[in-house]
Amino acid sequence: MKYNRKIPEDLDCGIVVTMKVLGGKWKTCILDGINKGMKRPSELHRAIDEASPRVINMQLRELEETGIVTKTVYPGLPLRVEYRLTGLGMSLLPIITLIDKWGIEHNHLVENLQASAES
């Protein structure tokens, strides 16, 4: 049985649509990793060690379903799987770059919060 929202999403709002695609704690990191040359799930698991492999795999599946990445399975034993950004996925890179830049410029905000929590 599929869940039906009581309040429909406003798909005319660009922010809602973007968050629907990028929502998920690790999706932007996954896309950034793929863009930097990490094509295999094991490479992404090592690079994003804070996330469980299960979560990364789920989010890769969601990104594939929305057409942001493509998955190629190569025959052989063991099977080899690689992900690549689609044109649609590449169009997200400027947004991800801006998010990264903003985070680097304002990392002191999180550092201050962590210091306050430890006190």
N, C-alpha and C. Protein backbone atom coordinates (compact mmCIF):
# COMPACT_ATOMS: atom_id res chain seq x y z
N MET A 1 0.85 -1.18 0.00
CA MET A 1 0.00 0.00 0.00
C MET A 1 0.89 1.24 0.00
N LYS A 2 0.65 2.12 -0.93
CA LYS A 2 1.45 3.34 -1.06
C LYS A 2 0.89 4.42 -0.14
N TYR A 3 1.81 5.15 0.50
CA TYR A 3 1.45 6.24 1.40
C TYR A 3 1.00 7.44 0.59
N ASN A 4 -0.14 8.00 0.93
CA ASN A 4 -0.63 9.24 0.31
C ASN A 4 -0.52 10.36 1.32
N ARG A 5 0.16 11.42 0.92
CA ARG A 5 0.33 12.57 1.81
C ARG A 5 -1.00 13.26 2.02
N LYS A 6 -1.24 13.70 3.26
CA LYS A 6 -2.46 14.46 3.55
C LYS A 6 -2.39 15.84 2.93
N ILE A 7 -1.20 16.44 2.98
CA ILE A 7 -0.99 17.75 2.36
C ILE A 7 -0.08 17.52 1.16
N PRO A 8 -0.57 17.77 -0.04
CA PRO A 8 0.27 17.51 -1.22
C PRO A 8 1.50 18.41 -1.25
N GLU A 9 2.58 17.86 -1.83
CA GLU A 9 3.81 18.64 -1.98
C GLU A 9 3.62 19.68 -3.07
N ASP A 10 4.22 20.84 -2.87
CA ASP A 10 4.15 21.92 -3.85
C ASP A 10 5.28 21.73 -4.86
N LEU A 11 5.00 20.97 -5.92
CA LEU A 11 6.03 20.70 -6.91
C LEU A 11 6.25 21.87 -7.86
N ASP A 12 5.54 22.97 -7.63
CA ASP A 12 5.82 24.20 -8.37
C ASP A 12 6.93 25.00 -7.68
N CYS A 13 7.31 24.58 -6.48
CA CYS A 13 8.37 25.24 -5.72
C CYS A 13 9.69 24.54 -6.01
N GLY A 14 10.63 25.27 -6.58
CA GLY A 14 11.93 24.69 -6.94
C GLY A 14 12.68 24.11 -5.76
N ILE A 15 12.54 24.73 -4.59
CA ILE A 15 13.24 24.23 -3.40
C ILE A 15 12.69 22.87 -3.01
N VAL A 16 11.37 22.72 -3.05
CA VAL A 16 10.75 21.44 -2.71
C VAL A 16 11.24 20.35 -3.66
N VAL A 17 11.26 20.65 -4.95
CA VAL A 17 11.71 19.66 -5.94
C VAL A 17 13.18 19.30 -5.71
N THR A 18 14.02 20.31 -5.51
CA THR A 18 15.45 20.06 -5.30
C THR A 18 15.67 19.24 -4.03
N MET A 19 14.97 19.56 -2.96
CA MET A 19 15.13 18.81 -1.71
C MET A 19 14.58 17.39 -1.85
N LYS A 20 13.57 17.21 -2.68
CA LYS A 20 13.05 15.87 -2.93
C LYS A 20 14.13 15.01 -3.58
N VAL A 21 14.90 15.60 -4.49
CA VAL A 21 15.97 14.88 -5.18
C VAL A 21 17.21 14.74 -4.30
N LEU A 22 17.62 15.83 -3.64
CA LEU A 22 18.86 15.82 -2.85
C LEU A 22 18.66 15.50 -1.38
N GLY A 23 17.40 15.44 -0.96
CA GLY A 23 17.13 15.14 0.45
C GLY A 23 17.71 13.79 0.82
N GLY A 24 18.29 13.71 1.94
CA GLY A 24 18.99 12.51 2.36
C GLY A 24 20.36 12.96 2.81
N LYS A 25 20.76 12.51 3.94
CA LYS A 25 21.95 13.05 4.59
C LYS A 25 23.21 12.96 3.73
N TRP A 26 23.34 11.95 2.87
CA TRP A 26 24.61 11.70 2.20
C TRP A 26 24.57 11.88 0.69
N LYS A 27 23.43 12.25 0.13
CA LYS A 27 23.32 12.31 -1.33
C LYS A 27 24.29 13.31 -1.96
N THR A 28 24.43 14.48 -1.37
CA THR A 28 25.35 15.45 -1.96
C THR A 28 26.79 14.96 -1.87
N CYS A 29 27.14 14.28 -0.79
CA CYS A 29 28.49 13.72 -0.65
C CYS A 29 28.71 12.60 -1.67
N ILE A 30 27.69 11.80 -1.91
CA ILE A 30 27.77 10.72 -2.90
C ILE A 30 28.00 11.32 -4.29
N LEU A 31 27.22 12.33 -4.64
CA LEU A 31 27.37 12.96 -5.96
C LEU A 31 28.73 13.61 -6.10
N ASP A 32 29.20 14.26 -5.04
CA ASP A 32 30.53 14.88 -5.07
C ASP A 32 31.60 13.80 -5.25
N GLY A 33 31.44 12.69 -4.55
CA GLY A 33 32.40 11.59 -4.68
C GLY A 33 32.42 11.01 -6.09
N ILE A 34 31.26 10.80 -6.67
CA ILE A 34 31.20 10.27 -8.04
C ILE A 34 31.86 11.26 -9.00
N ASN A 35 31.60 12.54 -8.78
CA ASN A 35 32.21 13.56 -9.63
C ASN A 35 33.73 13.56 -9.51
N LYS A 36 34.24 13.23 -8.33
CA LYS A 36 35.70 13.21 -8.11
C LYS A 36 36.34 11.91 -8.54
N GLY A 37 35.55 11.00 -9.14
CA GLY A 37 36.13 9.77 -9.69
C GLY A 37 35.82 8.50 -8.93
N MET A 38 35.06 8.58 -7.86
CA MET A 38 34.70 7.37 -7.12
C MET A 38 33.46 6.77 -7.77
N LYS A 39 33.64 5.72 -8.52
CA LYS A 39 32.55 5.15 -9.31
C LYS A 39 31.92 3.92 -8.64
N ARG A 40 32.70 3.21 -7.86
CA ARG A 40 32.22 1.95 -7.27
C ARG A 40 31.68 2.20 -5.87
N PRO A 41 30.64 1.45 -5.49
CA PRO A 41 30.08 1.61 -4.15
C PRO A 41 31.12 1.46 -3.04
N SER A 42 32.05 0.53 -3.19
CA SER A 42 33.06 0.33 -2.15
C SER A 42 33.93 1.57 -1.97
N GLU A 43 34.21 2.29 -3.06
CA GLU A 43 34.99 3.53 -2.97
C GLU A 43 34.21 4.59 -2.19
N LEU A 44 32.92 4.67 -2.47
CA LEU A 44 32.07 5.63 -1.76
C LEU A 44 31.95 5.26 -0.29
N HIS A 45 31.85 3.96 0.00
CA HIS A 45 31.76 3.51 1.41
C HIS A 45 33.01 3.94 2.18
N ARG A 46 34.17 3.78 1.55
CA ARG A 46 35.42 4.17 2.23
C ARG A 46 35.52 5.68 2.39
N ALA A 47 35.10 6.42 1.39
CA ALA A 47 35.21 7.89 1.42
C ALA A 47 34.23 8.52 2.39
N ILE A 48 33.06 7.91 2.55
CA ILE A 48 32.02 8.46 3.43
C ILE A 48 31.83 7.46 4.56
N ASP A 49 32.85 7.31 5.39
CA ASP A 49 32.82 6.26 6.40
C ASP A 49 31.84 6.53 7.54
N GLU A 50 31.30 7.76 7.63
CA GLU A 50 30.31 8.05 8.67
C GLU A 50 28.96 7.42 8.33
N ALA A 51 28.73 7.13 7.06
CA ALA A 51 27.46 6.54 6.61
C ALA A 51 27.62 5.03 6.48
N SER A 52 26.57 4.32 6.82
CA SER A 52 26.63 2.87 6.67
C SER A 52 26.52 2.51 5.19
N PRO A 53 27.12 1.39 4.80
CA PRO A 53 27.00 0.96 3.40
C PRO A 53 25.54 0.80 2.97
N ARG A 54 24.68 0.35 3.86
CA ARG A 54 23.26 0.19 3.55
C ARG A 54 22.63 1.53 3.16
N VAL A 55 22.95 2.59 3.91
CA VAL A 55 22.38 3.91 3.62
C VAL A 55 22.92 4.44 2.29
N ILE A 56 24.20 4.28 2.05
CA ILE A 56 24.78 4.73 0.78
C ILE A 56 24.13 3.99 -0.38
N ASN A 57 23.96 2.68 -0.24
CA ASN A 57 23.33 1.90 -1.31
C ASN A 57 21.88 2.33 -1.54
N MET A 58 21.15 2.60 -0.47
CA MET A 58 19.76 3.07 -0.61
C MET A 58 19.72 4.40 -1.34
N GLN A 59 20.61 5.31 -0.96
CA GLN A 59 20.61 6.63 -1.58
C GLN A 59 21.10 6.57 -3.02
N LEU A 60 22.02 5.67 -3.34
CA LEU A 60 22.42 5.47 -4.73
C LEU A 60 21.23 4.98 -5.55
N ARG A 61 20.44 4.07 -4.98
CA ARG A 61 19.25 3.56 -5.67
C ARG A 61 18.26 4.68 -5.93
N GLU A 62 18.05 5.55 -4.93
CA GLU A 62 17.13 6.68 -5.11
C GLU A 62 17.65 7.64 -6.18
N LEU A 63 18.95 7.91 -6.18
CA LEU A 63 19.54 8.79 -7.20
C LEU A 63 19.41 8.18 -8.60
N GLU A 64 19.51 6.87 -8.66
CA GLU A 64 19.34 6.19 -9.94
C GLU A 64 17.87 6.28 -10.39
N GLU A 65 16.94 6.09 -9.46
CA GLU A 65 15.52 6.16 -9.80
C GLU A 65 15.11 7.54 -10.30
N THR A 66 15.75 8.59 -9.80
CA THR A 66 15.40 9.94 -10.24
C THR A 66 16.20 10.38 -11.47
N GLY A 67 17.08 9.51 -11.96
CA GLY A 67 17.82 9.83 -13.18
C GLY A 67 19.04 10.71 -12.96
N ILE A 68 19.51 10.79 -11.72
CA ILE A 68 20.68 11.61 -11.40
C ILE A 68 21.98 10.85 -11.68
N VAL A 69 21.95 9.53 -11.46
CA VAL A 69 23.11 8.67 -11.75
C VAL A 69 22.63 7.48 -12.58
N THR A 70 23.57 6.87 -13.29
CA THR A 70 23.30 5.61 -13.98
C THR A 70 24.18 4.55 -13.36
N LYS A 71 23.67 3.36 -13.38
CA LYS A 71 24.38 2.21 -12.81
C LYS A 71 24.74 1.26 -13.94
N THR A 72 26.00 0.84 -13.97
CA THR A 72 26.45 -0.14 -14.94
C THR A 72 26.95 -1.35 -14.17
N VAL A 73 26.43 -2.53 -14.53
CA VAL A 73 26.87 -3.78 -13.92
C VAL A 73 27.71 -4.51 -14.94
N TYR A 74 28.95 -4.82 -14.58
CA TYR A 74 29.86 -5.53 -15.46
C TYR A 74 29.85 -7.00 -15.11
N PRO A 75 29.78 -7.88 -16.11
CA PRO A 75 29.74 -9.32 -15.82
C PRO A 75 31.07 -9.79 -15.26
N GLY A 76 31.01 -10.94 -14.67
CA GLY A 76 32.21 -11.54 -14.10
C GLY A 76 32.00 -11.81 -12.63
N LEU A 77 32.94 -12.51 -12.07
CA LEU A 77 32.86 -12.80 -10.64
C LEU A 77 34.08 -12.22 -9.97
N PRO A 78 33.93 -11.41 -8.98
CA PRO A 78 32.65 -10.89 -8.51
C PRO A 78 32.09 -9.85 -9.48
N LEU A 79 30.79 -9.63 -9.40
CA LEU A 79 30.17 -8.60 -10.22
C LEU A 79 30.78 -7.25 -9.87
N ARG A 80 30.93 -6.42 -10.87
CA ARG A 80 31.47 -5.09 -10.64
C ARG A 80 30.40 -4.09 -11.03
N VAL A 81 30.14 -3.14 -10.14
CA VAL A 81 29.12 -2.12 -10.36
C VAL A 81 29.78 -0.76 -10.32
N GLU A 82 29.40 0.10 -11.27
CA GLU A 82 29.90 1.47 -11.28
C GLU A 82 28.76 2.43 -11.50
N TYR A 83 28.89 3.61 -10.90
CA TYR A 83 27.90 4.67 -11.06
C TYR A 83 28.55 5.85 -11.77
N ARG A 84 27.74 6.53 -12.57
CA ARG A 84 28.18 7.74 -13.27
C ARG A 84 27.07 8.78 -13.18
N LEU A 85 27.47 10.03 -13.19
CA LEU A 85 26.49 11.11 -13.22
C LEU A 85 25.88 11.20 -14.62
N THR A 86 24.58 11.42 -14.66
CA THR A 86 23.91 11.70 -15.94
C THR A 86 24.04 13.20 -16.21
N GLY A 87 23.52 13.64 -17.34
CA GLY A 87 23.48 15.07 -17.61
C GLY A 87 22.71 15.81 -16.54
N LEU A 88 21.62 15.21 -16.09
CA LEU A 88 20.83 15.81 -15.01
C LEU A 88 21.65 15.89 -13.73
N GLY A 89 22.41 14.84 -13.43
CA GLY A 89 23.28 14.84 -12.26
C GLY A 89 24.37 15.89 -12.35
N MET A 90 24.94 16.03 -13.55
CA MET A 90 25.99 17.05 -13.76
C MET A 90 25.42 18.45 -13.53
N SER A 91 24.14 18.64 -13.84
CA SER A 91 23.55 19.97 -13.65
C SER A 91 23.43 20.35 -12.18
N LEU A 92 23.57 19.37 -11.27
CA LEU A 92 23.54 19.64 -9.83
C LEU A 92 24.90 20.06 -9.28
N LEU A 93 25.96 19.83 -10.03
CA LEU A 93 27.31 20.10 -9.52
C LEU A 93 27.55 21.54 -9.10
N PRO A 94 27.06 22.55 -9.83
CA PRO A 94 27.25 23.92 -9.35
C PRO A 94 26.58 24.16 -7.99
N ILE A 95 25.44 23.54 -7.77
CA ILE A 95 24.75 23.68 -6.48
C ILE A 95 25.58 23.04 -5.38
N ILE A 96 26.09 21.85 -5.65
CA ILE A 96 26.90 21.13 -4.65
C ILE A 96 28.18 21.91 -4.36
N THR A 97 28.78 22.50 -5.38
CA THR A 97 29.99 23.32 -5.19
C THR A 97 29.69 24.50 -4.28
N LEU A 98 28.55 25.16 -4.50
CA LEU A 98 28.17 26.30 -3.64
C LEU A 98 27.91 25.86 -2.20
N ILE A 99 27.26 24.71 -2.02
CA ILE A 99 27.02 24.19 -0.68
C ILE A 99 28.35 23.92 0.02
N ASP A 100 29.29 23.31 -0.70
CA ASP A 100 30.61 23.02 -0.14
C ASP A 100 31.33 24.31 0.25
N LYS A 101 31.31 25.28 -0.64
CA LYS A 101 31.97 26.56 -0.37
C LYS A 101 31.37 27.24 0.86
N TRP A 102 30.04 27.27 0.93
CA TRP A 102 29.37 27.89 2.07
C TRP A 102 29.76 27.18 3.36
N GLY A 103 29.77 25.84 3.33
CA GLY A 103 30.12 25.08 4.52
C GLY A 103 31.54 25.33 4.99
N ILE A 104 32.48 25.44 4.05
CA ILE A 104 33.87 25.71 4.40
C ILE A 104 33.99 27.11 5.01
N GLU A 105 33.30 28.07 4.41
CA GLU A 105 33.38 29.45 4.91
C GLU A 105 32.71 29.61 6.28
N HIS A 106 31.78 28.75 6.61
CA HIS A 106 31.02 28.90 7.86
C HIS A 106 31.17 27.70 8.80
N ASN A 107 32.24 26.94 8.66
CA ASN A 107 32.42 25.77 9.52
C ASN A 107 32.57 26.16 10.99
N HIS A 108 32.93 27.40 11.25
CA HIS A 108 33.06 27.85 12.64
C HIS A 108 31.72 27.79 13.37
N LEU A 109 30.62 27.89 12.65
CA LEU A 109 29.30 27.80 13.29
C LEU A 109 29.11 26.44 13.95
N VAL A 110 29.48 25.39 13.23
CA VAL A 110 29.34 24.03 13.77
C VAL A 110 30.37 23.80 14.85
N GLU A 111 31.58 24.30 14.66
CA GLU A 111 32.60 24.16 15.68
C GLU A 111 32.15 24.82 16.98
N ASN A 112 31.54 26.00 16.89
CA ASN A 112 31.04 26.69 18.09
C ASN A 112 29.92 25.89 18.75
N LEU A 113 29.03 25.31 17.97
CA LEU A 113 27.97 24.49 18.54
C LEU A 113 28.52 23.27 19.26
N GLN A 114 29.51 22.62 18.63
CA GLN A 114 30.11 21.44 19.25
C GLN A 114 30.84 21.81 20.55
N ALA A 115 31.54 22.95 20.55
CA ALA A 115 32.23 23.40 21.74
C ALA A 115 31.23 23.71 22.86
N SER A 116 30.10 24.32 22.52
CA SER A 116 29.07 24.62 23.51
C SER A 116 28.47 23.36 24.09
N ALA A 117 28.26 22.37 23.23
CA ALA A 117 27.67 21.10 23.68
C ALA A 117 28.61 20.34 24.60
N GLU A 118 29.92 20.47 24.38
CA GLU A 118 30.91 19.77 25.20
C GLU A 118 31.12 20.45 26.55
N SER A 119 30.73 21.72 26.66
CA SER A 119 30.96 22.47 27.91
C SER A 119 29.95 22.10 28.95
